Structure formats: C-alpha cells, structure tokens
Amino acid sequence: MKLSEKLLKVSESINYIQKDKTNKSQNYKYLSEAKIKSTIKDAFEKERILFNYSTDAVREYEISPTKNGAKQFVTIASGKYSFIDCDSEEIVDGTWFGSGSDTSDKGLYKAITGGIKYVLNTDFLIPTGDDVENDNGDKPKAKVDPDAQLKKDLVEQYKGDKVEAKKEYERIMQVRLETKFEQEKLEA
C-alpha cells in the first residue's frame, strides 16, 4: 500500500473531533493539542506511519506589554514536517508555520504547537464543529475588522495615548509583513 493510501485511511478514520477546552480569558472553545495528537497517533500507529518535524527558523519580537505591564513577546517559527511510511520508507513532507505570544519562555512552544496543530487539522480536514453557515437560530456574530480591533485595543492598552498606540500598531504590522515575507521565501 502506498503512503498516500495509508494517509487516506487515517483521514477516513477521523470523522469529527469535539472541541474539548475553553479559553476563559477570550471566551471561546478550542480543540486541544492533546486531543488532536491522541486521535491522530492512534490512526498513525494502526497504519504504521510516523510523523516527524523540525524547527528551522525562529524569530522573537517584543510586543506591547500586557494590561498588567509585563513584557510580552511574539515568537514566529517555521520548519519542515514529514509523514513516513514504516513499511516502504516513503515520505510525504511539507512546511509548517506557527506563532505564539507569551510573557515568559513559552512562546516557542506555543508557536510549534500551533503550527503542528494546524498541519494536522488541515492535512486531514478534521471537522471541529465550526460552521459558518449555522442556521440553528443563533444570531450571527457581527464581523469585527481585526485591524480596527487591534488599534482600539492598543489605544486602551496605552491608556488613550494614540501616539504610542500608533507606534505599536506600526511595529506589529512590520512584524506581520516580515513574517509573511519569510513564509513566502520558505515556500518558494
């Protein structure tokens, strides 16, 4: 059996994964790394597939402090991942990207975790219950322009100092631009 056929069997074995955690500070449910990994690990072991990854590039930037004034950093990481067939040694590989913010030393781990979760969720098209066409009577949430929201949050964080908030906004936009450039460079 080819690796692509084994990966299809893995995909077929995962119908749905229920979100199992809640981010209380931002009030949303999410699918945890542990739940994703345990589900996929079982399917990989059954098909004799290994998953491997490496981290090739890491960048860290200081961003605006938290509301409590603690220094905060965003870490942007990228690397390679592989699905390896234990029987034929055939390999399917790709590139992953992730970012994570933290006030301590966990930004890199958050970036790696987010990048790997994204690879596994998207490669296997894992449904998690996010349905943008929800018609069960729930009122649709108003769309929020993320840039406008960021500007508003920065003005609030800088206690109304629009000059400092604008400087921070421009710095964040520069980081995003550099990240996009790095991603495009790695994909080329």
C-alpha atoms as a PDB file:
ATOM      1  CA  MET A   1       0.000   0.000   0.000  1.00  0.00           C
ATOM      2  CA  LYS A   2       1.315   3.461  -0.921  1.00  0.00           C
ATOM      3  CA  LEU A   3       1.796   6.116   1.763  1.00  0.00           C
ATOM      4  CA  SER A   4      -0.907   8.248   0.130  1.00  0.00           C
ATOM      5  CA  GLU A   5      -3.360   5.356   0.546  1.00  0.00           C
ATOM      6  CA  LYS A   6      -2.371   4.955   4.202  1.00  0.00           C
ATOM      7  CA  LEU A   7      -2.833   8.688   4.790  1.00  0.00           C
ATOM      8  CA  LEU A   8      -6.268   8.439   3.190  1.00  0.00           C
ATOM      9  CA  LYS A   9      -7.145   5.631   5.620  1.00  0.00           C
ATOM     10  CA  VAL A  10      -6.070   7.875   8.502  1.00  0.00           C
ATOM     11  CA  SER A  11      -8.247  10.665   7.147  1.00  0.00           C
ATOM     12  CA  GLU A  12     -11.213   8.305   6.712  1.00  0.00           C
ATOM     13  CA  SER A  13     -10.860   7.093  10.308  1.00  0.00           C
ATOM     14  CA  ILE A  14     -11.302  10.606  11.766  1.00  0.00           C
ATOM     15  CA  ASN A  15     -14.870  11.777  11.306  1.00  0.00           C
ATOM     16  CA  TYR A  16     -15.069  14.551  13.888  1.00  0.00           C
ATOM     17  CA  ILE A  17     -13.189  15.722  16.966  1.00  0.00           C
ATOM     18  CA  GLN A  18     -15.185  17.571  19.620  1.00  0.00           C
ATOM     19  CA  LYS A  19     -13.612  20.755  20.966  1.00  0.00           C
ATOM     20  CA  ASP A  20     -12.528  19.855  24.477  1.00  0.00           C
ATOM     21  CA  LYS A  21     -11.105  23.015  26.078  1.00  0.00           C
ATOM     22  CA  THR A  22     -12.212  26.573  26.771  1.00  0.00           C
ATOM     23  CA  ASN A  23     -10.104  29.715  26.712  1.00  0.00           C
ATOM     24  CA  LYS A  24     -11.724  31.564  29.605  1.00  0.00           C
ATOM     25  CA  SER A  25      -9.975  34.891  29.106  1.00  0.00           C
ATOM     26  CA  GLN A  26     -11.128  35.218  25.474  1.00  0.00           C
ATOM     27  CA  ASN A  27     -14.290  33.103  25.886  1.00  0.00           C
ATOM     28  CA  TYR A  28     -14.016  30.507  23.123  1.00  0.00           C
ATOM     29  CA  LYS A  29     -13.842  26.725  22.853  1.00  0.00           C
ATOM     30  CA  TYR A  30     -10.934  25.038  21.093  1.00  0.00           C
ATOM     31  CA  LEU A  31      -9.549  21.647  20.196  1.00  0.00           C
ATOM     32  CA  SER A  32      -6.565  20.849  22.400  1.00  0.00           C
ATOM     33  CA  GLU A  33      -3.198  19.630  21.194  1.00  0.00           C
ATOM     34  CA  ALA A  34      -3.547  16.506  23.363  1.00  0.00           C
ATOM     35  CA  LYS A  35      -6.885  15.555  21.783  1.00  0.00           C
ATOM     36  CA  ILE A  36      -5.597  16.070  18.229  1.00  0.00           C
ATOM     37  CA  LYS A  37      -2.390  14.150  18.863  1.00  0.00           C
ATOM     38  CA  SER A  38      -4.022  11.228  20.645  1.00  0.00           C
ATOM     39  CA  THR A  39      -6.607  10.818  17.882  1.00  0.00           C
ATOM     40  CA  ILE A  40      -4.078  11.008  15.068  1.00  0.00           C
ATOM     41  CA  LYS A  41      -1.438   8.951  16.922  1.00  0.00           C
ATOM     42  CA  ASP A  42      -3.833   6.007  17.193  1.00  0.00           C
ATOM     43  CA  ALA A  43      -4.646   6.188  13.467  1.00  0.00           C
ATOM     44  CA  PHE A  44      -0.957   6.569  12.515  1.00  0.00           C
ATOM     45  CA  GLU A  45       0.095   3.587  14.603  1.00  0.00           C
ATOM     46  CA  LYS A  46      -2.606   1.439  13.018  1.00  0.00           C
ATOM     47  CA  GLU A  47      -1.303   2.349   9.536  1.00  0.00           C
ATOM     48  CA  ARG A  48       2.393   2.273  10.584  1.00  0.00           C
ATOM     49  CA  ILE A  49       3.039   5.953   9.826  1.00  0.00           C
ATOM     50  CA  LEU A  50       5.486   8.147  11.717  1.00  0.00           C
ATOM     51  CA  PHE A  51       5.199  11.916  11.991  1.00  0.00           C
ATOM     52  CA  ASN A  52       8.380  13.963  12.255  1.00  0.00           C
ATOM     53  CA  TYR A  53       9.059  17.685  12.337  1.00  0.00           C
ATOM     54  CA  SER A  54      11.974  20.061  12.630  1.00  0.00           C
ATOM     55  CA  THR A  55      12.154  23.719  13.549  1.00  0.00           C
ATOM     56  CA  ASP A  56      14.314  25.645  11.101  1.00  0.00           C
ATOM     57  CA  ALA A  57      13.660  29.310  11.793  1.00  0.00           C
ATOM     58  CA  VAL A  58      12.696  31.150  14.959  1.00  0.00           C
ATOM     59  CA  ARG A  59      12.206  34.887  15.415  1.00  0.00           C
ATOM     60  CA  GLU A  60      11.116  36.650  18.572  1.00  0.00           C
ATOM     61  CA  TYR A  61       9.860  40.202  18.919  1.00  0.00           C
ATOM     62  CA  GLU A  62       8.884  42.218  21.937  1.00  0.00           C
ATOM     63  CA  ILE A  63       5.353  43.485  21.516  1.00  0.00           C
ATOM     64  CA  SER A  64       3.157  45.718  23.621  1.00  0.00           C
ATOM     65  CA  PRO A  65       3.103  44.893  27.331  1.00  0.00           C
ATOM     66  CA  THR A  66       0.161  43.149  28.945  1.00  0.00           C
ATOM     67  CA  LYS A  67      -2.535  45.130  30.738  1.00  0.00           C
ATOM     68  CA  ASN A  68      -0.548  44.479  33.917  1.00  0.00           C
ATOM     69  CA  GLY A  69       2.581  45.977  32.353  1.00  0.00           C
ATOM     70  CA  ALA A  70       4.511  42.693  31.921  1.00  0.00           C
ATOM     71  CA  LYS A  71       6.780  42.405  28.898  1.00  0.00           C
ATOM     72  CA  GLN A  72       5.244  40.314  26.155  1.00  0.00           C
ATOM     73  CA  PHE A  73       6.867  38.611  23.189  1.00  0.00           C
ATOM     74  CA  VAL A  74       5.639  37.017  19.984  1.00  0.00           C
ATOM     75  CA  THR A  75       7.629  34.104  18.620  1.00  0.00           C
ATOM     76  CA  ILE A  76       7.354  33.131  14.977  1.00  0.00           C
ATOM     77  CA  ALA A  77       8.688  29.734  13.955  1.00  0.00           C
ATOM     78  CA  SER A  78       8.743  27.545  10.879  1.00  0.00           C
ATOM     79  CA  GLY A  79      10.130  24.228   9.839  1.00  0.00           C
ATOM     80  CA  LYS A  80       9.556  21.007   7.971  1.00  0.00           C
ATOM     81  CA  TYR A  81       7.269  18.086   8.733  1.00  0.00           C
ATOM     82  CA  SER A  82       7.137  14.573   7.316  1.00  0.00           C
ATOM     83  CA  PHE A  83       4.802  11.609   7.217  1.00  0.00           C
ATOM     84  CA  ILE A  84       6.976   8.495   6.980  1.00  0.00           C
ATOM     85  CA  ASP A  85       5.737   5.047   5.954  1.00  0.00           C
ATOM     86  CA  CYS A  86       7.409   2.483   8.231  1.00  0.00           C
ATOM     87  CA  ASP A  87       6.922  -0.273   5.653  1.00  0.00           C
ATOM     88  CA  SER A  88       8.195   1.381   2.473  1.00  0.00           C
ATOM     89  CA  GLU A  89      10.137   4.345   3.939  1.00  0.00           C
ATOM     90  CA  GLU A  90       8.192   6.558   1.512  1.00  0.00           C
ATOM     91  CA  ILE A  91       7.950  10.157   2.754  1.00  0.00           C
ATOM     92  CA  VAL A  92       5.459  12.957   2.224  1.00  0.00           C
ATOM     93  CA  ASP A  93       6.674  16.276   3.587  1.00  0.00           C
ATOM     94  CA  GLY A  94       5.816  19.932   3.837  1.00  0.00           C
ATOM     95  CA  THR A  95       6.497  23.187   5.654  1.00  0.00           C
ATOM     96  CA  TRP A  96       4.773  24.398   8.830  1.00  0.00           C
ATOM     97  CA  PHE A  97       4.469  27.909  10.299  1.00  0.00           C
ATOM     98  CA  GLY A  98       3.338  28.983  13.738  1.00  0.00           C
ATOM     99  CA  SER A  99       3.342  31.894  16.128  1.00  0.00           C
ATOM    100  CA  GLY A 100       2.796  32.266  19.835  1.00  0.00           C
ATOM    101  CA  SER A 101       2.837  35.121  22.297  1.00  0.00           C
ATOM    102  CA  ASP A 102       3.896  34.833  25.913  1.00  0.00           C
ATOM    103  CA  THR A 103       5.297  36.870  28.774  1.00  0.00           C
ATOM    104  CA  SER A 104       7.819  34.204  29.716  1.00  0.00           C
ATOM    105  CA  ASP A 105       9.714  31.453  27.937  1.00  0.00           C
ATOM    106  CA  LYS A 106       6.851  29.538  26.339  1.00  0.00           C
ATOM    107  CA  GLY A 107       6.442  31.499  23.076  1.00  0.00           C
ATOM    108  CA  LEU A 108       8.467  28.996  21.045  1.00  0.00           C
ATOM    109  CA  TYR A 109       6.487  26.047  22.383  1.00  0.00           C
ATOM    110  CA  LYS A 110       3.229  27.825  21.608  1.00  0.00           C
ATOM    111  CA  ALA A 111       4.442  28.583  18.070  1.00  0.00           C
ATOM    112  CA  ILE A 112       5.436  24.961  17.456  1.00  0.00           C
ATOM    113  CA  THR A 113       2.225  23.586  18.972  1.00  0.00           C
ATOM    114  CA  GLY A 114       0.063  25.946  16.914  1.00  0.00           C
ATOM    115  CA  GLY A 115       1.959  25.154  13.717  1.00  0.00           C
ATOM    116  CA  ILE A 116       1.760  21.386  14.190  1.00  0.00           C
ATOM    117  CA  LYS A 117      -1.935  21.525  15.208  1.00  0.00           C
ATOM    118  CA  TYR A 118      -2.655  23.495  12.049  1.00  0.00           C
ATOM    119  CA  VAL A 119      -0.794  20.973   9.862  1.00  0.00           C
ATOM    120  CA  LEU A 120      -2.630  18.001  11.352  1.00  0.00           C
ATOM    121  CA  ASN A 121      -6.065  19.686  11.316  1.00  0.00           C
ATOM    122  CA  THR A 122      -5.778  20.921   7.747  1.00  0.00           C
ATOM    123  CA  ASP A 123      -3.972  17.936   6.198  1.00  0.00           C
ATOM    124  CA  PHE A 124      -6.653  15.601   7.500  1.00  0.00           C
ATOM    125  CA  LEU A 125      -9.560  18.072   7.172  1.00  0.00           C
ATOM    126  CA  ILE A 126     -10.626  17.402  10.740  1.00  0.00           C
ATOM    127  CA  PRO A 127     -14.071  18.840  11.454  1.00  0.00           C
ATOM    128  CA  THR A 128     -14.395  20.512  14.846  1.00  0.00           C
ATOM    129  CA  GLY A 129     -17.921  21.908  14.714  1.00  0.00           C
ATOM    130  CA  ASP A 130     -17.076  25.379  13.381  1.00  0.00           C
ATOM    131  CA  ASP A 131     -19.917  26.039  10.969  1.00  0.00           C
ATOM    132  CA  VAL A 132     -20.091  29.467   9.402  1.00  0.00           C
ATOM    133  CA  GLU A 133     -23.480  28.644   7.902  1.00  0.00           C
ATOM    134  CA  ASN A 134     -25.030  27.802  11.249  1.00  0.00           C
ATOM    135  CA  ASP A 135     -28.796  28.135  10.925  1.00  0.00           C
ATOM    136  CA  ASN A 136     -29.972  26.720  14.240  1.00  0.00           C
ATOM    137  CA  GLY A 137     -31.429  30.032  15.333  1.00  0.00           C
ATOM    138  CA  ASP A 138     -28.249  31.504  16.770  1.00  0.00           C
ATOM    139  CA  LYS A 139     -27.722  35.106  15.867  1.00  0.00           C
ATOM    140  CA  PRO A 140     -24.644  35.529  13.702  1.00  0.00           C
ATOM    141  CA  LYS A 141     -21.860  37.422  15.371  1.00  0.00           C
ATOM    142  CA  ALA A 142     -21.060  40.812  13.961  1.00  0.00           C
ATOM    143  CA  LYS A 143     -17.902  40.777  11.910  1.00  0.00           C
ATOM    144  CA  VAL A 144     -15.087  42.688  13.533  1.00  0.00           C
ATOM    145  CA  ASP A 145     -12.316  44.210  11.458  1.00  0.00           C
ATOM    146  CA  PRO A 146      -9.230  42.715  13.157  1.00  0.00           C
ATOM    147  CA  ASP A 147      -7.048  45.742  12.355  1.00  0.00           C
ATOM    148  CA  ALA A 148      -9.625  48.161  13.738  1.00  0.00           C
ATOM    149  CA  GLN A 149      -9.973  45.996  16.842  1.00  0.00           C
ATOM    150  CA  LEU A 150      -6.177  45.888  17.277  1.00  0.00           C
ATOM    151  CA  LYS A 151      -5.988  49.680  17.036  1.00  0.00           C
ATOM    152  CA  LYS A 152      -8.779  50.034  19.588  1.00  0.00           C
ATOM    153  CA  ASP A 153      -7.103  47.538  21.942  1.00  0.00           C
ATOM    154  CA  LEU A 154      -3.760  49.332  21.661  1.00  0.00           C
ATOM    155  CA  VAL A 155      -5.298  52.728  22.451  1.00  0.00           C
ATOM    156  CA  GLU A 156      -6.906  51.141  25.503  1.00  0.00           C
ATOM    157  CA  GLN A 157      -3.658  49.425  26.484  1.00  0.00           C
ATOM    158  CA  TYR A 158      -1.754  52.689  26.201  1.00  0.00           C
ATOM    159  CA  LYS A 159      -4.438  54.421  28.279  1.00  0.00           C
ATOM    160  CA  GLY A 160      -5.597  56.696  25.455  1.00  0.00           C
ATOM    161  CA  ASP A 161      -2.101  57.639  24.221  1.00  0.00           C
ATOM    162  CA  LYS A 162      -2.809  57.435  20.487  1.00  0.00           C
ATOM    163  CA  VAL A 163       0.776  58.284  19.504  1.00  0.00           C
ATOM    164  CA  GLU A 164       2.224  55.310  21.415  1.00  0.00           C
ATOM    165  CA  ALA A 165      -0.623  53.076  20.278  1.00  0.00           C
ATOM    166  CA  LYS A 166       0.093  54.041  16.646  1.00  0.00           C
ATOM    167  CA  LYS A 167       3.826  53.281  17.075  1.00  0.00           C
ATOM    168  CA  GLU A 168       2.996  49.853  18.486  1.00  0.00           C
ATOM    169  CA  TYR A 169       0.473  49.184  15.724  1.00  0.00           C
ATOM    170  CA  GLU A 170       3.051  50.056  13.053  1.00  0.00           C
ATOM    171  CA  ARG A 171       5.624  47.799  14.730  1.00  0.00           C
ATOM    172  CA  ILE A 172       3.166  44.888  14.814  1.00  0.00           C
ATOM    173  CA  MET A 173       2.302  45.452  11.142  1.00  0.00           C
ATOM    174  CA  GLN A 174       6.034  45.398  10.309  1.00  0.00           C
ATOM    175  CA  VAL A 175       6.426  42.066  12.138  1.00  0.00           C
ATOM    176  CA  ARG A 176       3.449  40.664  10.207  1.00  0.00           C
ATOM    177  CA  LEU A 177       4.947  41.849   6.926  1.00  0.00           C
ATOM    178  CA  GLU A 178       8.333  40.302   7.737  1.00  0.00           C
ATOM    179  CA  THR A 179       6.641  37.064   8.754  1.00  0.00           C
ATOM    180  CA  LYS A 180       4.675  36.949   5.502  1.00  0.00           C
ATOM    181  CA  PHE A 181       7.883  37.621   3.545  1.00  0.00           C
ATOM    182  CA  GLU A 182       9.700  34.816   5.414  1.00  0.00           C
ATOM    183  CA  GLN A 183       6.799  32.430   4.787  1.00  0.00           C
ATOM    184  CA  GLU A 184       6.742  33.219   1.058  1.00  0.00           C
ATOM    185  CA  LYS A 185      10.520  32.831   0.904  1.00  0.00           C
ATOM    186  CA  LEU A 186      10.353  29.387   2.537  1.00  0.00           C
ATOM    187  CA  GLU A 187       7.522  28.276   0.264  1.00  0.00           C
ATOM    188  CA  ALA A 188       9.423  29.340  -2.890  1.00  0.00           C
END
